[in-house]
Amino acid sequence: MKPSMPLFRRGTSVTSQLGLSDRIFSTAEDRGLAAGIDAGIDQVEASLLAEVTFADEIANVTSRYLLKAGGKRVRPMLALLTAHLGSGNHADVITAATAIEITHLASLYHDDVMDDSDKRRGVPSAQTVWGNSVAILTGDLLFARANQLMARLGERAIRLQADTFERLVLGQLHETVGAQPGQDPVDHYIQVLADKTGSLIAAAAQAGIIFSDAPPEFEQPVIAFGEKIGVAFQLIDDVLDLSPQPEETGKVPGTDLRAGVATLPLLRLRERAPHDAIAAALLERLERDVMASNGVATPEADSAITALREHDVTAQTLAEAHSWAREAVEALVALPHGSVKKALTRFADTIVERSS
């Protein structure tokens, strides 16, 4: 899957990370939640440094490479947040949050090989530095380390990790082979997003419930929230891929399309093309000048990308992202009113506000 625009940078407070302003964090309960998650993130960071360590010198260097490059820590943050529906951020929650972030880190090594990406988190990707084989094996080592951590927490954690890993692999497999004959390409694409992004976000939110001994009836709402917000996040990325302001997005306009990735605006355009001459003409330009350009920037490619940005299929994609975010918030209806629910809702708002 394509690299995403940073949602927040490490070193900021949880208020900034969640997109919550001082005005919203106005009660003692809210401020206590913020302080608790900040403290928990610090513990996760220390745990990541300790756990992503190998006696083998080569493995130690390659496995820490992307960790040192930074990261948003969205997944551990959500685990720490939902844990406040239970007993809070005790040792088991920190362990689970660490394991989930290491799983995410491992997936990045594999994704960059699959996508032939040359950059990750502002540095050359691992396979650019060491080659595909080393990058893949490093990802495997990190998956193994995450599994070891989850094994400390018992059978429930092992099942959660195994089920999530299976979905990550299936998502990558289905993205690689594409939609099959008779399968709706948009449905296929959304399922890939749910498997590759939503499943791990959902697992993080679920882990916070499980390992804080929160009421079990809160599990399904936060799982649904995580899945849906993961899809919304990636659909916003599809819109941002067309942004004319690379200094804000960190991406050259049309990066994904130039790499041959069929994002949702392009899929919606393909739906319309058989019945819409304007859509058909634009689709022909995109496939000829952008997707077949091997990433080479040309005036023709730039013009076609601008035309796609201005076409209403891009506005439709943005509307669909907002719809997924609304559904994510609606899934939280069973959660008690309070700072956690407020923070999750604001987090969903922050996801879609990236496009404004």
Protein backbone atom coordinates (compact mmCIF):
# COMPACT_ATOMS: atom_id res chain seq x y z
CA MET A 1 0.00 0.00 0.00
CA LYS A 2 1.15 3.52 -0.69
CA PRO A 3 2.88 5.53 2.08
CA SER A 4 0.49 7.82 3.91
CA MET A 5 0.80 11.50 4.77
CA PRO A 6 1.86 11.87 8.42
CA LEU A 7 -1.13 12.41 10.69
CA PHE A 8 1.08 13.81 13.44
CA ARG A 9 4.72 13.92 14.35
CA ARG A 10 6.22 12.31 17.41
CA GLY A 11 7.24 14.75 20.08
CA THR A 12 3.89 16.53 20.11
CA SER A 13 1.39 16.09 22.91
CA VAL A 14 -1.53 13.70 22.71
CA THR A 15 -3.76 16.74 22.25
CA SER A 16 -2.10 17.40 18.90
CA GLN A 17 -1.91 13.72 18.01
CA LEU A 18 -5.66 13.28 18.41
CA GLY A 19 -6.48 16.60 16.79
CA LEU A 20 -7.95 17.78 20.10
CA SER A 21 -7.66 21.42 21.03
CA ASP A 22 -7.19 22.83 24.51
CA ARG A 23 -10.76 24.04 24.33
CA ILE A 24 -12.05 20.49 23.89
CA PHE A 25 -9.74 19.09 26.54
CA SER A 26 -11.37 21.29 29.15
CA THR A 27 -12.32 18.95 31.98
CA ALA A 28 -10.16 17.23 34.56
CA GLU A 29 -11.18 13.87 33.03
CA ASP A 30 -10.06 15.01 29.58
CA ARG A 31 -6.74 16.31 30.84
CA GLY A 32 -6.18 13.12 32.79
CA LEU A 33 -6.80 11.04 29.67
CA ALA A 34 -4.33 13.16 27.70
CA ALA A 35 -1.66 12.81 30.37
CA GLY A 36 -2.26 9.07 30.63
CA ILE A 37 -1.85 8.48 26.90
CA ASP A 38 1.23 10.70 26.73
CA ALA A 39 2.79 8.65 29.51
CA GLY A 40 1.75 5.42 27.80
CA ILE A 41 3.25 6.48 24.46
CA ASP A 42 6.54 7.18 26.23
CA GLN A 43 6.44 3.65 27.64
CA VAL A 44 5.68 2.19 24.22
CA GLU A 45 8.61 4.09 22.70
CA ALA A 46 10.95 2.68 25.34
CA SER A 47 9.50 -0.79 24.80
CA LEU A 48 9.96 -0.54 21.03
CA LEU A 49 13.63 0.32 21.43
CA ALA A 50 14.11 -2.59 23.82
CA GLU A 51 12.20 -5.16 21.76
CA VAL A 52 13.51 -4.21 18.31
CA THR A 53 16.95 -5.40 19.33
CA PHE A 54 18.75 -8.47 18.02
CA ALA A 55 22.00 -10.09 19.06
CA ASP A 56 22.89 -10.49 15.40
CA GLU A 57 24.63 -7.30 14.27
CA ILE A 58 23.12 -7.20 10.78
CA ALA A 59 19.59 -7.90 11.98
CA ASN A 60 19.93 -5.28 14.70
CA VAL A 61 20.85 -2.59 12.16
CA THR A 62 18.22 -3.43 9.55
CA SER A 63 15.36 -3.97 12.03
CA ARG A 64 15.92 -0.60 13.73
CA TYR A 65 16.27 1.29 10.46
CA LEU A 66 12.63 2.30 9.98
CA LEU A 67 12.01 2.54 13.72
CA LYS A 68 14.65 5.25 13.94
CA ALA A 69 13.06 7.03 10.99
CA GLY A 70 10.06 7.87 13.17
CA GLY A 71 6.39 7.09 12.83
CA LYS A 72 2.92 8.26 13.74
CA ARG A 73 2.24 5.62 16.44
CA VAL A 74 -1.48 5.77 15.60
CA ARG A 75 -2.04 2.11 16.48
CA PRO A 76 -0.49 2.09 19.96
CA MET A 77 -2.19 5.39 20.63
CA LEU A 78 -5.60 3.83 19.91
CA ALA A 79 -4.79 0.83 22.11
CA LEU A 80 -3.85 3.16 24.96
CA LEU A 81 -6.97 5.23 24.37
CA THR A 82 -9.47 2.35 24.40
CA ALA A 83 -7.70 0.88 27.44
CA HIS A 84 -9.10 3.82 29.40
CA LEU A 85 -12.50 2.17 29.02
CA GLY A 86 -11.02 -0.41 31.40
CA SER A 87 -8.16 -0.37 33.88
CA GLY A 88 -5.90 1.90 31.83
CA ASN A 89 -2.37 1.54 30.53
CA HIS A 90 -0.88 -1.22 32.63
CA ALA A 91 1.93 -3.54 31.55
CA ASP A 92 -0.17 -5.90 29.38
CA VAL A 93 -1.61 -3.00 27.39
CA ILE A 94 1.87 -1.60 26.78
CA THR A 95 3.08 -5.02 25.63
CA ALA A 96 0.14 -5.45 23.24
CA ALA A 97 0.52 -1.91 21.88
CA THR A 98 4.24 -2.54 21.29
CA ALA A 99 3.55 -5.82 19.48
CA ILE A 100 0.98 -4.22 17.21
CA GLU A 101 3.33 -1.36 16.30
CA ILE A 102 6.12 -3.85 15.53
CA THR A 103 3.66 -5.76 13.32
CA HIS A 104 2.92 -2.52 11.48
CA LEU A 105 6.63 -1.80 11.17
CA ALA A 106 7.25 -5.26 9.73
CA SER A 107 4.51 -4.77 7.15
CA LEU A 108 6.22 -1.60 5.91
CA TYR A 109 9.37 -3.53 4.98
CA HIS A 110 7.27 -5.97 2.95
CA ASP A 111 5.04 -3.30 1.42
CA ASP A 112 7.99 -1.32 0.12
CA VAL A 113 9.34 -4.41 -1.63
CA MET A 114 5.94 -5.19 -3.16
CA ASP A 115 5.44 -1.57 -4.27
CA ASP A 116 9.08 -1.00 -5.26
CA SER A 117 9.02 2.17 -3.14
CA ASP A 118 12.25 4.12 -2.92
CA LYS A 119 11.30 6.22 0.14
CA ARG A 120 9.72 5.52 3.52
CA ARG A 121 9.35 8.03 6.35
CA GLY A 122 11.64 10.46 4.57
CA VAL A 123 14.57 8.04 4.18
CA PRO A 124 15.54 5.55 1.45
CA SER A 125 13.44 2.39 1.84
CA ALA A 126 15.13 -0.69 3.28
CA GLN A 127 15.27 -2.60 -0.01
CA THR A 128 16.88 0.43 -1.65
CA VAL A 129 19.67 0.23 0.95
CA TRP A 130 20.08 -3.56 1.36
CA GLY A 131 18.06 -5.18 -1.43
CA ASN A 132 14.74 -7.04 -1.51
CA SER A 133 15.88 -10.20 0.24
CA VAL A 134 17.26 -8.41 3.31
CA ALA A 135 14.17 -6.19 3.52
CA ILE A 136 11.82 -9.18 3.37
CA LEU A 137 13.81 -11.14 5.95
CA THR A 138 13.92 -8.13 8.26
CA GLY A 139 10.16 -7.87 8.05
CA ASP A 140 9.92 -11.58 8.90
CA LEU A 141 12.16 -11.08 11.95
CA LEU A 142 9.97 -8.24 13.17
CA PHE A 143 6.82 -10.33 12.70
CA ALA A 144 8.49 -13.06 14.77
CA ARG A 145 9.34 -10.59 17.53
CA ALA A 146 5.77 -9.27 17.59
CA ASN A 147 4.49 -12.84 17.88
CA GLN A 148 6.82 -13.47 20.81
CA LEU A 149 5.44 -10.43 22.59
CA MET A 150 1.85 -11.47 22.03
CA ALA A 151 2.63 -15.00 23.25
CA ARG A 152 3.47 -13.51 26.66
CA LEU A 153 -0.14 -12.39 26.94
CA GLY A 154 -1.75 -15.78 26.39
CA GLU A 155 -3.93 -17.59 23.90
CA ARG A 156 -6.34 -14.70 23.30
CA ALA A 157 -3.48 -12.46 22.22
CA ILE A 158 -2.00 -15.17 19.99
CA ARG A 159 -5.35 -15.59 18.20
CA LEU A 160 -5.71 -11.83 17.75
CA GLN A 161 -2.22 -11.59 16.28
CA ALA A 162 -2.69 -14.60 13.99
CA ASP A 163 -6.08 -13.45 12.69
CA THR A 164 -4.75 -9.96 12.01
CA PHE A 165 -1.63 -11.23 10.28
CA GLU A 166 -3.76 -13.47 8.06
CA ARG A 167 -5.81 -10.46 6.96
CA LEU A 168 -2.70 -8.38 6.29
CA VAL A 169 -1.36 -11.10 3.99
CA LEU A 170 -4.70 -11.63 2.25
CA GLY A 171 -4.99 -7.89 1.68
CA GLN A 172 -1.56 -7.78 0.07
CA LEU A 173 -2.32 -10.88 -2.00
CA HIS A 174 -5.60 -9.49 -3.29
CA GLU A 175 -4.02 -6.11 -4.04
CA THR A 176 -1.28 -7.87 -5.99
CA VAL A 177 -3.53 -10.09 -8.15
CA GLY A 178 -6.29 -7.50 -8.57
CA ALA A 179 -10.03 -7.95 -8.93
CA GLN A 180 -11.09 -11.26 -10.43
CA PRO A 181 -13.51 -11.71 -13.35
CA GLY A 182 -17.03 -10.90 -12.20
CA GLN A 183 -15.82 -9.10 -9.06
CA ASP A 184 -16.67 -5.43 -8.63
CA PRO A 185 -13.35 -3.51 -8.72
CA VAL A 186 -14.50 -0.95 -6.14
CA ASP A 187 -15.69 -3.63 -3.71
CA HIS A 188 -12.37 -5.41 -4.21
CA TYR A 189 -10.44 -2.19 -3.55
CA ILE A 190 -12.38 -1.36 -0.37
CA GLN A 191 -11.80 -4.89 0.94
CA VAL A 192 -8.06 -4.51 0.31
CA LEU A 193 -8.08 -1.27 2.32
CA ALA A 194 -10.03 -2.92 5.13
CA ASP A 195 -7.62 -5.86 5.26
CA LYS A 196 -4.33 -3.98 4.83
CA THR A 197 -5.09 -0.91 6.93
CA GLY A 198 -8.35 -1.33 8.82
CA SER A 199 -7.58 -4.73 10.32
CA LEU A 200 -4.48 -3.62 12.22
CA ILE A 201 -6.10 -0.40 13.45
CA ALA A 202 -9.08 -2.46 14.61
CA ALA A 203 -6.76 -4.95 16.35
CA ALA A 204 -5.09 -2.10 18.23
CA ALA A 205 -8.39 -0.70 19.45
CA GLN A 206 -9.56 -4.21 20.38
CA ALA A 207 -6.34 -4.94 22.26
CA GLY A 208 -6.91 -1.92 24.46
CA ILE A 209 -10.27 -3.35 25.48
CA ILE A 210 -9.05 -6.92 26.00
CA PHE A 211 -5.91 -6.23 28.01
CA SER A 212 -7.41 -3.53 30.22
CA ASP A 213 -10.27 -5.87 31.18
CA ALA A 214 -12.80 -3.39 29.83
CA PRO A 215 -16.39 -4.64 29.42
CA PRO A 216 -16.41 -7.17 26.55
CA GLU A 217 -19.43 -5.49 24.96
CA PHE A 218 -17.10 -2.64 23.96
CA GLU A 219 -15.02 -4.89 21.68
CA GLN A 220 -17.26 -4.95 18.61
CA PRO A 221 -17.85 -1.18 18.57
CA VAL A 222 -14.13 -0.37 18.61
CA ILE A 223 -13.37 -3.11 16.06
CA ALA A 224 -15.95 -1.58 13.69
CA PHE A 225 -14.54 1.88 14.40
CA GLY A 226 -11.00 0.76 13.56
CA GLU A 227 -11.96 -0.98 10.33
CA LYS A 228 -14.01 1.92 9.04
CA ILE A 229 -11.58 4.65 10.04
CA GLY A 230 -8.80 2.69 8.31
CA VAL A 231 -10.76 2.74 5.05
CA ALA A 232 -11.51 6.45 5.49
CA PHE A 233 -7.82 7.16 6.07
CA GLN A 234 -6.78 5.48 2.82
CA LEU A 235 -9.56 7.11 0.77
CA ILE A 236 -8.39 10.51 2.00
CA ASP A 237 -4.92 9.48 0.84
CA ASP A 238 -6.38 8.84 -2.63
CA VAL A 239 -7.60 12.44 -2.69
CA LEU A 240 -4.34 13.80 -1.29
CA ASP A 241 -2.44 11.93 -4.00
CA LEU A 242 -3.91 14.43 -6.45
CA SER A 243 -3.15 17.50 -4.33
CA PRO A 244 -1.37 20.35 -6.16
CA GLN A 245 0.53 21.23 -2.96
CA PRO A 246 3.34 18.70 -2.49
CA GLU A 247 4.88 20.82 0.27
CA GLU A 248 1.81 20.04 2.41
CA THR A 249 1.25 16.40 1.42
CA GLY A 250 4.89 15.36 1.08
CA LYS A 251 4.02 13.73 -2.26
CA VAL A 252 4.37 14.71 -5.91
CA PRO A 253 0.85 15.01 -7.36
CA GLY A 254 -0.23 11.68 -8.81
CA THR A 255 2.52 9.65 -7.12
CA ASP A 256 0.25 6.60 -6.78
CA LEU A 257 -1.17 6.86 -10.28
CA ARG A 258 2.32 7.25 -11.75
CA ALA A 259 3.24 4.03 -9.93
CA GLY A 260 0.31 2.23 -11.56
CA VAL A 261 -1.91 2.17 -8.45
CA ALA A 262 -5.62 2.27 -9.31
CA THR A 263 -6.95 4.57 -6.58
CA LEU A 264 -10.67 5.13 -6.03
CA PRO A 265 -10.99 8.24 -8.26
CA LEU A 266 -9.57 6.21 -11.15
CA LEU A 267 -11.84 3.24 -10.38
CA ARG A 268 -14.89 5.52 -10.29
CA LEU A 269 -13.78 7.05 -13.58
CA ARG A 270 -13.56 3.58 -15.13
CA GLU A 271 -17.13 2.90 -13.97
CA ARG A 272 -18.36 5.97 -15.83
CA ALA A 273 -16.28 5.67 -18.98
CA PRO A 274 -18.56 3.24 -20.88
CA HIS A 275 -21.47 5.70 -20.59
CA ASP A 276 -19.69 9.08 -20.45
CA ALA A 277 -17.55 10.38 -23.30
CA ILE A 278 -15.75 12.95 -21.13
CA ALA A 279 -14.86 10.30 -18.55
CA ALA A 280 -13.71 7.95 -21.32
CA ALA A 281 -11.44 10.61 -22.82
CA LEU A 282 -9.90 11.45 -19.44
CA LEU A 283 -9.40 7.77 -18.66
CA GLU A 284 -7.56 7.31 -21.97
CA ARG A 285 -5.27 10.25 -21.12
CA LEU A 286 -4.53 8.92 -17.63
CA GLU A 287 -3.73 5.41 -18.81
CA ARG A 288 -1.57 6.66 -21.69
CA ASP A 289 0.21 9.65 -20.14
CA VAL A 290 0.33 8.77 -16.42
CA MET A 291 -0.02 5.09 -15.62
CA ALA A 292 2.14 4.01 -18.56
CA SER A 293 4.76 6.69 -17.98
CA ASN A 294 6.95 4.66 -15.56
CA GLY A 295 6.79 7.56 -13.14
CA VAL A 296 8.30 10.08 -15.56
CA ALA A 297 6.87 13.57 -15.08
CA THR A 298 5.67 15.18 -18.31
CA PRO A 299 3.41 18.15 -19.04
CA GLU A 300 0.84 15.72 -20.45
CA ALA A 301 0.86 13.64 -17.27
CA ASP A 302 0.58 16.73 -15.06
CA SER A 303 -2.35 17.99 -17.15
CA ALA A 304 -4.18 14.66 -16.91
CA ILE A 305 -3.70 14.50 -13.13
CA THR A 306 -5.04 18.05 -12.79
CA ALA A 307 -8.08 17.06 -14.85
CA LEU A 308 -8.73 14.07 -12.58
CA ARG A 309 -8.39 16.26 -9.49
CA GLU A 310 -11.02 18.62 -10.89
CA HIS A 311 -13.37 15.84 -12.05
CA ASP A 312 -16.27 15.05 -9.75
CA VAL A 313 -15.08 11.45 -9.20
CA THR A 314 -12.50 12.96 -6.84
CA ALA A 315 -15.21 14.87 -4.97
CA GLN A 316 -17.14 11.58 -4.86
CA THR A 317 -14.12 9.84 -3.31
CA LEU A 318 -13.87 12.57 -0.67
CA ALA A 319 -17.57 12.17 0.10
CA GLU A 320 -17.11 8.41 0.47
CA ALA A 321 -14.22 8.97 2.88
CA HIS A 322 -16.42 11.23 5.00
CA SER A 323 -19.15 8.59 4.90
CA TRP A 324 -16.78 5.91 6.21
CA ALA A 325 -15.64 8.26 8.98
CA ARG A 326 -19.25 8.97 9.96
CA GLU A 327 -19.98 5.25 10.07
CA ALA A 328 -16.92 4.78 12.28
CA VAL A 329 -18.27 7.29 14.78
CA GLU A 330 -21.75 5.80 14.60
CA ALA A 331 -20.26 2.43 15.56
CA LEU A 332 -19.29 3.94 18.92
CA VAL A 333 -22.90 4.47 20.00
CA ALA A 334 -22.65 1.69 22.60
CA LEU A 335 -19.66 3.28 24.34
CA PRO A 336 -20.29 5.42 27.42
CA HIS A 337 -20.19 9.18 26.99
CA GLY A 338 -16.94 10.64 28.22
CA SER A 339 -13.41 11.57 27.28
CA VAL A 340 -12.59 8.33 25.43
CA LYS A 341 -15.60 8.53 23.14
CA LYS A 342 -14.97 12.23 22.61
CA ALA A 343 -11.33 11.55 21.68
CA LEU A 344 -12.23 8.75 19.25
CA THR A 345 -14.79 11.01 17.58
CA ARG A 346 -12.28 13.83 17.27
CA PHE A 347 -9.73 11.38 15.87
CA ALA A 348 -12.19 10.46 13.11
CA ASP A 349 -12.70 14.15 12.37
CA THR A 350 -8.93 14.63 12.14
CA ILE A 351 -8.65 11.87 9.54
CA VAL A 352 -10.98 13.59 7.10
CA GLU A 353 -9.79 17.11 7.91
CA ARG A 354 -6.45 16.26 6.28
CA SER A 355 -8.07 16.93 2.90
CA SER A 356 -9.30 20.42 3.75
